[in-house]
Each structure stands twice: as structure tokens, then as C-alpha cells.
C-alpha atoms as a PDB file:
ATOM      1  CA  MET A   1      16.210 -17.173   6.284  1.00  0.00           C
ATOM      2  CA  ASN A   2      15.399 -17.647   2.648  1.00  0.00           C
ATOM      3  CA  LYS A   3      11.663 -18.126   2.491  1.00  0.00           C
ATOM      4  CA  VAL A   4       8.452 -16.253   3.291  1.00  0.00           C
ATOM      5  CA  ASN A   5       5.209 -18.034   4.085  1.00  0.00           C
ATOM      6  CA  LEU A   6       1.959 -16.112   3.714  1.00  0.00           C
ATOM      7  CA  THR A   7      -0.990 -17.936   5.222  1.00  0.00           C
ATOM      8  CA  LEU A   8      -4.556 -17.192   4.059  1.00  0.00           C
ATOM      9  CA  SER A   9      -7.750 -18.470   5.589  1.00  0.00           C
ATOM     10  CA  ASN A  10     -11.451 -18.410   5.063  1.00  0.00           C
ATOM     11  CA  LYS A  11     -14.686 -18.633   7.107  1.00  0.00           C
ATOM     12  CA  ASN A  12     -14.559 -22.424   7.088  1.00  0.00           C
ATOM     13  CA  SER A  13     -11.181 -22.319   8.986  1.00  0.00           C
ATOM     14  CA  GLU A  14      -9.425 -23.620   5.931  1.00  0.00           C
ATOM     15  CA  HIS A  15      -5.855 -22.430   5.294  1.00  0.00           C
ATOM     16  CA  PHE A  16      -3.741 -21.903   2.205  1.00  0.00           C
ATOM     17  CA  VAL A  17      -0.045 -21.061   2.297  1.00  0.00           C
ATOM     18  CA  LEU A  18       1.760 -19.048  -0.396  1.00  0.00           C
ATOM     19  CA  GLN A  19       5.467 -19.600  -0.235  1.00  0.00           C
ATOM     20  CA  PHE A  20       8.062 -17.251  -1.613  1.00  0.00           C
ATOM     21  CA  LYS A  21      11.798 -17.456  -2.085  1.00  0.00           C
ATOM     22  CA  LEU A  22      13.604 -14.380  -0.904  1.00  0.00           C
ATOM     23  CA  LEU A  23      15.954 -12.674  -3.416  1.00  0.00           C
ATOM     24  CA  GLN A  24      19.567 -12.053  -2.663  1.00  0.00           C
ATOM     25  CA  ASN A  25      20.017  -8.309  -2.640  1.00  0.00           C
ATOM     26  CA  SER A  26      21.179  -5.696  -0.158  1.00  0.00           C
ATOM     27  CA  PHE A  27      17.611  -4.506   0.631  1.00  0.00           C
ATOM     28  CA  VAL A  28      16.112  -7.823   1.500  1.00  0.00           C
ATOM     29  CA  GLU A  29      18.062  -8.029   4.741  1.00  0.00           C
ATOM     30  CA  LYS A  30      16.786  -4.619   5.718  1.00  0.00           C
ATOM     31  CA  TRP A  31      13.174  -5.683   5.097  1.00  0.00           C
ATOM     32  CA  ILE A  32      13.731  -8.904   7.126  1.00  0.00           C
ATOM     33  CA  GLU A  33      14.816  -6.762  10.028  1.00  0.00           C
ATOM     34  CA  CYS A  34      11.536  -4.785   9.852  1.00  0.00           C
ATOM     35  CA  VAL A  35       9.485  -8.047   9.785  1.00  0.00           C
ATOM     36  CA  LEU A  36      11.368  -9.385  12.783  1.00  0.00           C
ATOM     37  CA  GLU A  37      10.819  -6.042  14.592  1.00  0.00           C
ATOM     38  CA  ALA A  38       7.047  -6.292  13.953  1.00  0.00           C
ATOM     39  CA  LYS A  39       7.046  -9.853  15.256  1.00  0.00           C
ATOM     40  CA  SER A  40       9.131  -9.047  18.348  1.00  0.00           C
ATOM     41  CA  LYS A  41       6.761  -6.223  19.282  1.00  0.00           C
ATOM     42  CA  GLY A  42       3.651  -8.334  18.676  1.00  0.00           C
ATOM     43  CA  TYR A  43       2.242  -6.155  15.894  1.00  0.00           C
ATOM     44  CA  GLN A  44      -0.560  -7.847  13.939  1.00  0.00           C
ATOM     45  CA  ILE A  45      -1.326  -7.448  10.306  1.00  0.00           C
ATOM     46  CA  SER A  46      -3.565  -4.377  10.186  1.00  0.00           C
ATOM     47  CA  GLU A  47      -5.662  -5.189   7.182  1.00  0.00           C
ATOM     48  CA  PRO A  48      -6.446  -8.934   7.232  1.00  0.00           C
ATOM     49  CA  TRP A  49      -9.056  -8.235   4.581  1.00  0.00           C
ATOM     50  CA  ALA A  50      -6.678  -6.513   1.977  1.00  0.00           C
ATOM     51  CA  MET A  51      -7.026  -9.110  -0.759  1.00  0.00           C
ATOM     52  CA  TYR A  52      -8.019  -7.027  -3.829  1.00  0.00           C
ATOM     53  CA  ASN A  53      -9.742  -8.487  -6.944  1.00  0.00           C
ATOM     54  CA  LEU A  54      -9.107 -12.033  -5.876  1.00  0.00           C
ATOM     55  CA  ASN A  55     -12.399 -13.061  -4.280  1.00  0.00           C
ATOM     56  CA  GLU A  56     -16.113 -12.001  -4.101  1.00  0.00           C
ATOM     57  CA  SER A  57     -15.855 -10.765  -0.510  1.00  0.00           C
ATOM     58  CA  MET A  58     -14.060  -7.612  -1.515  1.00  0.00           C
ATOM     59  CA  ASN A  59     -16.803  -6.479  -3.914  1.00  0.00           C
ATOM     60  CA  ASP A  60     -17.885  -2.892  -4.690  1.00  0.00           C
ATOM     61  CA  GLU A  61     -20.673  -2.876  -2.069  1.00  0.00           C
ATOM     62  CA  PHE A  62     -18.372  -4.143   0.712  1.00  0.00           C
ATOM     63  CA  ILE A  63     -15.691  -1.524  -0.075  1.00  0.00           C
ATOM     64  CA  LEU A  64     -18.149   1.377  -0.458  1.00  0.00           C
ATOM     65  CA  ASN A  65     -20.103   0.461   2.701  1.00  0.00           C
ATOM     66  CA  ASN A  66     -16.998   0.115   4.809  1.00  0.00           C
ATOM     67  CA  LEU A  67     -15.533   3.309   3.588  1.00  0.00           C
ATOM     68  CA  ASN A  68     -18.620   5.273   4.397  1.00  0.00           C
ATOM     69  CA  ARG A  69     -19.062   3.528   7.748  1.00  0.00           C
ATOM     70  CA  LEU A  70     -15.551   4.427   8.804  1.00  0.00           C
ATOM     71  CA  ILE A  71     -16.043   8.044   7.699  1.00  0.00           C
ATOM     72  CA  ALA A  72     -19.318   8.091   9.715  1.00  0.00           C
ATOM     73  CA  GLU A  73     -17.544   6.712  12.771  1.00  0.00           C
ATOM     74  CA  VAL A  74     -14.790   9.288  12.590  1.00  0.00           C
ATOM     75  CA  ASP A  75     -17.232  12.131  12.034  1.00  0.00           C
ATOM     76  CA  ALA A  76     -19.340  11.009  15.018  1.00  0.00           C
ATOM     77  CA  ILE A  77     -16.349  11.732  17.262  1.00  0.00           C
ATOM     78  CA  GLU A  78     -15.027  14.761  15.404  1.00  0.00           C
ATOM     79  CA  PRO A  79     -16.442  15.939  12.038  1.00  0.00           C
ATOM     80  CA  LEU A  80     -13.430  15.808   9.760  1.00  0.00           C
ATOM     81  CA  PHE A  81     -14.725  14.367   6.439  1.00  0.00           C
ATOM     82  CA  ASN A  82     -18.378  15.577   6.128  1.00  0.00           C
ATOM     83  CA  ILE A  83     -18.690  13.585   2.881  1.00  0.00           C
ATOM     84  CA  ARG A  84     -20.115  10.189   1.740  1.00  0.00           C
ATOM     85  CA  LEU A  85     -18.861   8.453  -1.384  1.00  0.00           C
ATOM     86  CA  LYS A  86     -21.655   7.375  -3.749  1.00  0.00           C
ATOM     87  CA  ASP A  87     -19.516   5.573  -6.330  1.00  0.00           C
ATOM     88  CA  ILE A  88     -16.045   3.883  -5.855  1.00  0.00           C
ATOM     89  CA  LYS A  89     -15.220   5.026  -9.431  1.00  0.00           C
ATOM     90  CA  ASP A  90     -15.433   8.738  -8.329  1.00  0.00           C
ATOM     91  CA  GLN A  91     -11.652   9.435  -8.449  1.00  0.00           C
ATOM     92  CA  ASP A  92     -12.089  13.059  -7.581  1.00  0.00           C
ATOM     93  CA  GLY A  93     -14.161  12.141  -4.515  1.00  0.00           C
ATOM     94  CA  LEU A  94     -11.447   9.596  -3.525  1.00  0.00           C
ATOM     95  CA  ASN A  95      -8.803  12.264  -3.860  1.00  0.00           C
ATOM     96  CA  HIS A  96     -10.793  14.642  -1.680  1.00  0.00           C
ATOM     97  CA  ILE A  97     -11.152  12.019   1.092  1.00  0.00           C
ATOM     98  CA  HIS A  98      -7.483  11.140   0.836  1.00  0.00           C
ATOM     99  CA  SER A  99      -6.560  14.814   1.159  1.00  0.00           C
ATOM    100  CA  ILE A 100      -8.470  15.084   4.329  1.00  0.00           C
ATOM    101  CA  PHE A 101      -6.685  11.971   5.732  1.00  0.00           C
ATOM    102  CA  GLU A 102      -3.305  13.584   4.782  1.00  0.00           C
ATOM    103  CA  LYS A 103      -4.244  16.807   6.484  1.00  0.00           C
ATOM    104  CA  HIS A 104      -5.291  15.317   9.780  1.00  0.00           C
ATOM    105  CA  HIS A 105      -3.124  12.274  10.143  1.00  0.00           C
ATOM    106  CA  GLY A 106       0.137  13.979   9.194  1.00  0.00           C
ATOM    107  CA  LYS A 107       3.212  12.411   7.809  1.00  0.00           C
ATOM    108  CA  LEU A 108       4.126   8.944   8.995  1.00  0.00           C
ATOM    109  CA  ASP A 109       4.357   8.827  12.798  1.00  0.00           C
ATOM    110  CA  GLU A 110       3.344  12.549  13.300  1.00  0.00           C
ATOM    111  CA  TRP A 111      -0.016  11.367  14.606  1.00  0.00           C
ATOM    112  CA  LYS A 112       1.571  10.279  17.880  1.00  0.00           C
ATOM    113  CA  HIS A 113       2.175  14.027  18.742  1.00  0.00           C
ATOM    114  CA  ASN A 114      -1.042  15.315  17.168  1.00  0.00           C
ATOM    115  CA  PRO A 115      -3.416  16.909  19.707  1.00  0.00           C
ATOM    116  CA  LEU A 116      -6.282  15.764  17.469  1.00  0.00           C
ATOM    117  CA  PHE A 117      -5.840  12.257  18.864  1.00  0.00           C
ATOM    118  CA  LEU A 118      -5.575  13.149  22.557  1.00  0.00           C
ATOM    119  CA  GLY A 119      -8.365  11.961  24.747  1.00  0.00           C
ATOM    120  CA  LYS A 120     -10.024   9.964  21.936  1.00  0.00           C
ATOM    121  CA  PRO A 121     -10.355   6.164  21.750  1.00  0.00           C
ATOM    122  CA  ASP A 122      -7.717   4.148  19.833  1.00  0.00           C
ATOM    123  CA  SER A 123     -10.393   3.346  17.265  1.00  0.00           C
ATOM    124  CA  PHE A 124     -10.475   6.938  16.161  1.00  0.00           C
ATOM    125  CA  ARG A 125      -6.966   6.882  14.754  1.00  0.00           C
ATOM    126  CA  LYS A 126      -7.409   3.358  13.516  1.00  0.00           C
ATOM    127  CA  ASN A 127     -10.569   4.296  11.670  1.00  0.00           C
ATOM    128  CA  ILE A 128      -8.884   7.363  10.030  1.00  0.00           C
ATOM    129  CA  SER A 129      -6.074   5.037   8.800  1.00  0.00           C
ATOM    130  CA  GLU A 130      -8.559   2.512   7.485  1.00  0.00           C
ATOM    131  CA  VAL A 131     -10.401   5.260   5.552  1.00  0.00           C
ATOM    132  CA  ASN A 132      -7.196   5.799   3.702  1.00  0.00           C
ATOM    133  CA  GLN A 133      -6.803   2.108   3.013  1.00  0.00           C
ATOM    134  CA  PHE A 134     -10.310   1.713   1.774  1.00  0.00           C
ATOM    135  CA  VAL A 135      -9.714   4.695  -0.628  1.00  0.00           C
ATOM    136  CA  HIS A 136      -6.805   2.580  -1.968  1.00  0.00           C
ATOM    137  CA  ALA A 137      -9.125  -0.429  -2.068  1.00  0.00           C
ATOM    138  CA  CYS A 138     -11.487   1.581  -4.296  1.00  0.00           C
ATOM    139  CA  GLU A 139      -8.607   2.510  -6.620  1.00  0.00           C
ATOM    140  CA  SER A 140      -7.350  -1.019  -6.796  1.00  0.00           C
ATOM    141  CA  LYS A 141     -10.841  -2.256  -7.643  1.00  0.00           C
ATOM    142  CA  ASN A 142     -11.002   0.278 -10.401  1.00  0.00           C
ATOM    143  CA  THR A 143      -7.773  -0.977 -11.984  1.00  0.00           C
ATOM    144  CA  SER A 144      -8.840  -4.607 -11.570  1.00  0.00           C
ATOM    145  CA  SER A 145      -5.311  -5.400 -10.343  1.00  0.00           C
ATOM    146  CA  PRO A 146      -5.328  -8.538  -8.170  1.00  0.00           C
ATOM    147  CA  LYS A 147      -3.030  -8.238  -5.253  1.00  0.00           C
ATOM    148  CA  ILE A 148      -2.568  -8.826  -1.494  1.00  0.00           C
ATOM    149  CA  ARG A 149      -1.313  -5.962   0.775  1.00  0.00           C
ATOM    150  CA  ILE A 150       0.379  -6.705   4.124  1.00  0.00           C
ATOM    151  CA  THR A 151       0.570  -3.727   6.401  1.00  0.00           C
ATOM    152  CA  TYR A 152       1.561  -3.035  10.002  1.00  0.00           C
ATOM    153  CA  PHE A 153       0.069   0.303  11.090  1.00  0.00           C
ATOM    154  CA  ASP A 154       1.761   0.498  14.426  1.00  0.00           C
ATOM    155  CA  LEU A 155       5.323  -0.304  13.252  1.00  0.00           C
ATOM    156  CA  PRO A 156       7.318   2.909  13.354  1.00  0.00           C
ATOM    157  CA  LYS A 157       8.182   4.187   9.900  1.00  0.00           C
ATOM    158  CA  TYR A 158      11.615   5.753  10.367  1.00  0.00           C
ATOM    159  CA  LYS A 159      14.001   3.868   8.048  1.00  0.00           C
ATOM    160  CA  ARG A 160      14.922   5.632   4.848  1.00  0.00           C
ATOM    161  CA  PHE A 161      15.982   4.239   1.451  1.00  0.00           C
ATOM    162  CA  THR A 162      19.605   4.752   0.544  1.00  0.00           C
ATOM    163  CA  ASP A 163      21.011   5.540  -2.916  1.00  0.00           C
ATOM    164  CA  ASP A 164      21.865   1.844  -3.334  1.00  0.00           C
ATOM    165  CA  ASP A 165      18.283   0.897  -2.500  1.00  0.00           C
ATOM    166  CA  TYR A 166      16.924   3.206  -5.248  1.00  0.00           C
ATOM    167  CA  LYS A 167      19.029   1.349  -7.750  1.00  0.00           C
ATOM    168  CA  LEU A 168      16.846  -1.770  -7.085  1.00  0.00           C
ATOM    169  CA  PHE A 169      13.574   0.079  -7.884  1.00  0.00           C
ATOM    170  CA  THR A 170      11.606  -1.224 -10.838  1.00  0.00           C
ATOM    171  CA  ASN A 171       8.291  -0.523 -12.422  1.00  0.00           C
ATOM    172  CA  LYS A 172       8.249  -4.121 -13.749  1.00  0.00           C
ATOM    173  CA  LYS A 173       5.746  -6.434 -12.064  1.00  0.00           C
ATOM    174  CA  ASN A 174       6.192 -10.158 -12.067  1.00  0.00           C
ATOM    175  CA  PHE A 175       3.198 -12.465 -11.358  1.00  0.00           C
ATOM    176  CA  GLY A 176       3.248 -13.676  -7.740  1.00  0.00           C
ATOM    177  CA  SER A 177       6.332 -11.665  -6.725  1.00  0.00           C
ATOM    178  CA  LEU A 178       6.530  -9.886  -3.229  1.00  0.00           C
ATOM    179  CA  TYR A 179       7.482  -6.119  -3.303  1.00  0.00           C
ATOM    180  CA  HIS A 180       7.977  -3.492  -0.648  1.00  0.00           C
ATOM    181  CA  LEU A 181       4.944  -1.289  -0.220  1.00  0.00           C
ATOM    182  CA  TYR A 182       4.810   2.496  -0.057  1.00  0.00           C
ATOM    183  CA  CYS A 183       4.458   3.447   3.593  1.00  0.00           C
ATOM    184  CA  ASP A 184       4.726   7.289   3.595  1.00  0.00           C
ATOM    185  CA  VAL A 185       1.667   9.482   4.022  1.00  0.00           C
ATOM    186  CA  GLY A 186       0.948  11.685   0.978  1.00  0.00           C
ATOM    187  CA  LYS A 187       1.207  11.178  -2.761  1.00  0.00           C
ATOM    188  CA  ASN A 188       4.245   9.852  -4.541  1.00  0.00           C
ATOM    189  CA  ILE A 189       5.070  10.534  -8.170  1.00  0.00           C
ATOM    190  CA  GLU A 190       3.303   7.347  -9.257  1.00  0.00           C
ATOM    191  CA  SER A 191       0.059   8.388  -7.708  1.00  0.00           C
ATOM    192  CA  LEU A 192       0.235  12.017  -8.879  1.00  0.00           C
ATOM    193  CA  ALA A 193       0.952  10.923 -12.467  1.00  0.00           C
ATOM    194  CA  ARG A 194      -1.931   8.561 -12.386  1.00  0.00           C
ATOM    195  CA  ASP A 195      -4.711  10.348 -10.255  1.00  0.00           C
ATOM    196  CA  ASN A 196      -4.649  13.908 -11.630  1.00  0.00           C
ATOM    197  CA  ASP A 197      -5.203  14.856  -8.011  1.00  0.00           C
ATOM    198  CA  ILE A 198      -5.899  18.566  -7.337  1.00  0.00           C
ATOM    199  CA  HIS A 199      -6.808  18.037  -3.635  1.00  0.00           C
ATOM    200  CA  HIS A 200      -3.556  16.624  -2.198  1.00  0.00           C
ATOM    201  CA  HIS A 201      -1.629  18.559   0.428  1.00  0.00           C
ATOM    202  CA  ASP A 202       1.984  17.457  -0.203  1.00  0.00           C
ATOM    203  CA  VAL A 203       4.085  15.481  -2.628  1.00  0.00           C
ATOM    204  CA  VAL A 204       5.743  12.654  -0.666  1.00  0.00           C
ATOM    205  CA  PRO A 205       7.966  10.427  -2.811  1.00  0.00           C
ATOM    206  CA  ASN A 206       9.319   6.976  -1.875  1.00  0.00           C
ATOM    207  CA  LEU A 207      11.298   7.962   1.211  1.00  0.00           C
ATOM    208  CA  HIS A 208      10.701   5.346   3.938  1.00  0.00           C
ATOM    209  CA  TYR A 209      10.288   1.588   4.195  1.00  0.00           C
ATOM    210  CA  SER A 210       8.984  -0.826   6.793  1.00  0.00           C
ATOM    211  CA  ALA A 211       7.747  -4.445   6.863  1.00  0.00           C
ATOM    212  CA  ASP A 212       4.719  -3.502   4.668  1.00  0.00           C
ATOM    213  CA  CYS A 213       4.716  -5.334   1.385  1.00  0.00           C
ATOM    214  CA  VAL A 214       2.453  -6.403  -1.526  1.00  0.00           C
ATOM    215  CA  VAL A 215       2.003  -9.411  -3.725  1.00  0.00           C
ATOM    216  CA  PHE A 216       0.937  -8.765  -7.317  1.00  0.00           C
ATOM    217  CA  PHE A 217      -0.961 -11.450  -9.256  1.00  0.00           C
ATOM    218  CA  THR A 218      -0.492  -9.724 -12.568  1.00  0.00           C
ATOM    219  CA  GLU A 219       2.412  -8.971 -14.839  1.00  0.00           C
ATOM    220  CA  ASN A 220       3.426  -6.230 -17.133  1.00  0.00           C
ATOM    221  CA  SER A 221       5.869  -6.482 -20.140  1.00  0.00           C
ATOM    222  CA  ASN A 222       9.320  -4.987 -20.036  1.00  0.00           C
ATOM    223  CA  GLU A 223       8.100  -2.543 -22.702  1.00  0.00           C
ATOM    224  CA  ASP A 224       5.089  -1.441 -20.507  1.00  0.00           C
ATOM    225  CA  ALA A 225       7.515  -0.996 -17.568  1.00  0.00           C
ATOM    226  CA  VAL A 226       9.733   1.234 -19.584  1.00  0.00           C
ATOM    227  CA  LYS A 227       6.676   3.349 -20.796  1.00  0.00           C
ATOM    228  CA  LEU A 228       5.498   3.661 -17.144  1.00  0.00           C
ATOM    229  CA  THR A 229       8.899   4.978 -16.090  1.00  0.00           C
ATOM    230  CA  GLU A 230       8.956   7.403 -18.968  1.00  0.00           C
ATOM    231  CA  ASN A 231       5.414   8.570 -17.923  1.00  0.00           C
ATOM    232  CA  HIS A 232       6.773   9.267 -14.449  1.00  0.00           C
ATOM    233  CA  LYS A 233       9.786  11.164 -15.866  1.00  0.00           C
ATOM    234  CA  ASP A 234       7.403  13.244 -18.020  1.00  0.00           C
ATOM    235  CA  TYR A 235       5.358  14.237 -14.982  1.00  0.00           C
ATOM    236  CA  ILE A 236       8.524  15.189 -13.074  1.00  0.00           C
ATOM    237  CA  MET A 237       9.769  17.438 -15.933  1.00  0.00           C
ATOM    238  CA  THR A 238       6.427  18.995 -16.454  1.00  0.00           C
ATOM    239  CA  ASN A 239       6.044  19.800 -12.757  1.00  0.00           C
ATOM    240  CA  LYS A 240       9.716  20.420 -11.849  1.00  0.00           C
ATOM    241  CA  LYS A 241       8.919  23.889 -10.579  1.00  0.00           C
ATOM    242  CA  TYR A 242       6.243  22.534  -8.293  1.00  0.00           C
ATOM    243  CA  LEU A 243       8.515  19.773  -7.055  1.00  0.00           C
ATOM    244  CA  LYS A 244      11.338  22.214  -6.408  1.00  0.00           C
ATOM    245  CA  GLU A 245       8.913  24.339  -4.290  1.00  0.00           C
ATOM    246  CA  HIS A 246       8.378  21.128  -2.201  1.00  0.00           C
ATOM    247  CA  GLY A 247      12.108  20.566  -1.818  1.00  0.00           C
ATOM    248  CA  TYR A 248      12.812  18.064  -4.571  1.00  0.00           C
ATOM    249  CA  ASP A 249      15.136  18.689  -7.569  1.00  0.00           C
ATOM    250  CA  HIS A 250      13.824  17.090 -10.739  1.00  0.00           C
ATOM    251  CA  ASP A 251      16.932  14.751 -10.894  1.00  0.00           C
ATOM    252  CA  SER A 252      16.861  13.788  -7.294  1.00  0.00           C
ATOM    253  CA  LYS A 253      17.119  10.051  -6.498  1.00  0.00           C
ATOM    254  CA  LEU A 254      14.300  10.568  -3.969  1.00  0.00           C
ATOM    255  CA  LEU A 255      11.951  10.838  -6.963  1.00  0.00           C
ATOM    256  CA  THR A 256      12.711   7.303  -8.161  1.00  0.00           C
ATOM    257  CA  THR A 257       9.544   5.425  -8.862  1.00  0.00           C
ATOM    258  CA  GLY A 258       8.619   1.788  -8.679  1.00  0.00           C
ATOM    259  CA  LYS A 259       9.084  -0.861  -5.999  1.00  0.00           C
ATOM    260  CA  ILE A 260      11.843  -3.232  -4.862  1.00  0.00           C
ATOM    261  CA  GLU A 261      11.251  -6.929  -5.531  1.00  0.00           C
ATOM    262  CA  LEU A 262      11.714  -8.863  -2.390  1.00  0.00           C
ATOM    263  CA  ALA A 263      10.789 -12.521  -3.207  1.00  0.00           C
ATOM    264  CA  THR A 264       9.436 -14.758  -5.996  1.00  0.00           C
ATOM    265  CA  LEU A 265       6.528 -17.103  -5.699  1.00  0.00           C
ATOM    266  CA  VAL A 266       7.169 -20.812  -5.410  1.00  0.00           C
ATOM    267  CA  ASN A 267       4.248 -22.073  -7.502  1.00  0.00           C
ATOM    268  CA  THR A 268       3.694 -25.594  -8.746  1.00  0.00           C
ATOM    269  CA  THR A 269       0.471 -24.909 -10.616  1.00  0.00           C
ATOM    270  CA  SER A 270      -0.603 -22.623 -13.437  1.00  0.00           C
ATOM    271  CA  GLU A 271      -1.402 -18.946 -12.832  1.00  0.00           C
ATOM    272  CA  LYS A 272      -5.000 -19.628 -13.823  1.00  0.00           C
ATOM    273  CA  ASN A 273      -5.313 -22.495 -11.258  1.00  0.00           C
ATOM    274  CA  LEU A 274      -3.684 -20.466  -8.511  1.00  0.00           C
ATOM    275  CA  LEU A 275      -6.108 -17.494  -9.062  1.00  0.00           C
ATOM    276  CA  GLN A 276      -9.038 -19.986  -8.943  1.00  0.00           C
ATOM    277  CA  LYS A 277      -7.685 -21.337  -5.673  1.00  0.00           C
ATOM    278  CA  LEU A 278      -7.326 -17.916  -4.148  1.00  0.00           C
ATOM    279  CA  LYS A 279     -11.054 -17.192  -4.767  1.00  0.00           C
ATOM    280  CA  ASN A 280     -11.759 -19.446  -1.751  1.00  0.00           C
ATOM    281  CA  TYR A 281      -9.825 -17.318   0.702  1.00  0.00           C
ATOM    282  CA  ASP A 282     -10.567 -13.869   2.060  1.00  0.00           C
ATOM    283  CA  THR A 283      -8.358 -13.323   5.149  1.00  0.00           C
ATOM    284  CA  ILE A 284      -4.626 -12.715   5.552  1.00  0.00           C
ATOM    285  CA  GLN A 285      -3.692 -14.865   8.523  1.00  0.00           C
ATOM    286  CA  GLN A 286       0.020 -14.280   8.996  1.00  0.00           C
ATOM    287  CA  LEU A 287       3.366 -13.669   7.343  1.00  0.00           C
ATOM    288  CA  GLU A 288       6.345 -15.783   8.576  1.00  0.00           C
ATOM    289  CA  LEU A 289       9.992 -15.997   7.647  1.00  0.00           C
ATOM    290  CA  GLU A 290      11.628 -19.375   7.353  1.00  0.00           C
END
């Protein structure tokens, strides 16, 4: 296997395939195993709508209405949030909602043993998870960063990064490249350094991986990537006492920031033309290995 095919669709039943060439590094094989596991167990992509800043479907009104709808549906079964967001640019409100998700969902697969979910419909847990994803949708909209997120909620998240994996992490983004996606529950160093979040319950760095991945349709310079890495290091040094209290030494590899590049886009047109083409699609249909 050396290719990834990501199929998009729209309401007219038209399809468009983005093809990627897999990189040759030690982590890619691990990620492939996760994708194959998701396929073998019949897990579907959990957020077929998660195409951010690429089309008119994911506009501010759609994101805000869905976030508040999901919160209302959760609260109708058990009042957990008791809040409605009025503006997707309200980062403090988003941080507060995310902290409630953290508190009640628990880390990774802890929800499976959480009495909160006993005797409740499957939609209850799904809605809580989607509240979290629409919080991220708000944040992505606010940064205007075009991307496609591919997630599998039901795939167990138990595989941990190794020291060798952390060596592959980078804060450099290449246009059209496919990267692993943060799949832990909590806030990693990147989010804490960016959000100024006073509501979060726990710091959870990049510990686990799964089939979850993301395609960025933007690029930063090498210089900007270095500045971002330095910003994360500054946060760690400024908050090393706090991190130590949560079990992380300031020089721990577990606090490595960034993502691992998995594959590069096979693109025969200009970036501008590709972005124009993507405006016509609003649904992630499937991800296939070839």
C-alpha cells in the first residue's frame, strides 16, 4: 500500500477523489494498521461534514446552530452544559463548553465504564462527542484554516507514540499533506498555548494515535514553524511547575508538539484551482488505502 484515496461528495451525488502518496517512515505503517482495523470492524467516518473553511455549507450559522442543538439534546436527557453559545468567536465560552465535555466524557475510552452513559440512548454519548467537535469547528472557523478532518469515534484509542515517533513530529504544515490527528481527550500544549484556557480540567499532551487524520490546505514557512515550536517551549517553561503537578517534566518527550506527516497530495492543478474545486463538495464519503 502506498496511496490514500479520500472521496468527497455533494448533494448532487457527484464525487471527487483526493489522492495522496504515503511517506516512507516508521510511523506510517502503524497508522495503516489503525485504518485497516477501523475498516475490518466496520467503523464509519464519524464526522462526514468536517470540511472546514472549504465550502459555504460549514458557515457560522450552521456551526452555531448545530452546536447549540447538540447541547440542547444532551441537556434534555441530562442537564450537563446549561449554556448556549451566542457567538462562535467567544473563545472563553468555547473553552467552558469544552471543559464540560472533558469532565463528563473522561479520557479516551473511559466513557465505556462511565455510569453517566448507562441506560441512555447511544445518541447521548454521540451528541456529547459532537459537541466537542463543533467546538473545534468554531475554533477552526475563527482561524480561517481550510482543512478536512477524518475521525473514527468508535475506534479504540489505546496505541501510544514511541520516542522514535516523537522524532517525526513537526509544526510545519505543507499544503495538501495528510497528518495524524490529536485523539486524546483534554488539552495538549498546542491548545493551551493558543487558547489561554482557564476552564480546562487536565493537560493531556500528544500521547495516543489512531486512524484519525487531517488534511491541511494551507502552508506555513519554515521560519513560522520554528517560531511556533519556540512558542510552545516558552509555554512549557513558564508553566513547568503546573506541568510537573500533572505528571510531566518540562523536558519530557511526551510534551513534544506538532503532528506527523503521513502522505503528500498528488495534485495536477494549482492550489487555487483545487480550492475552487473543493467548494463544490461538502461531505467526506470514505478513506481508502491502495
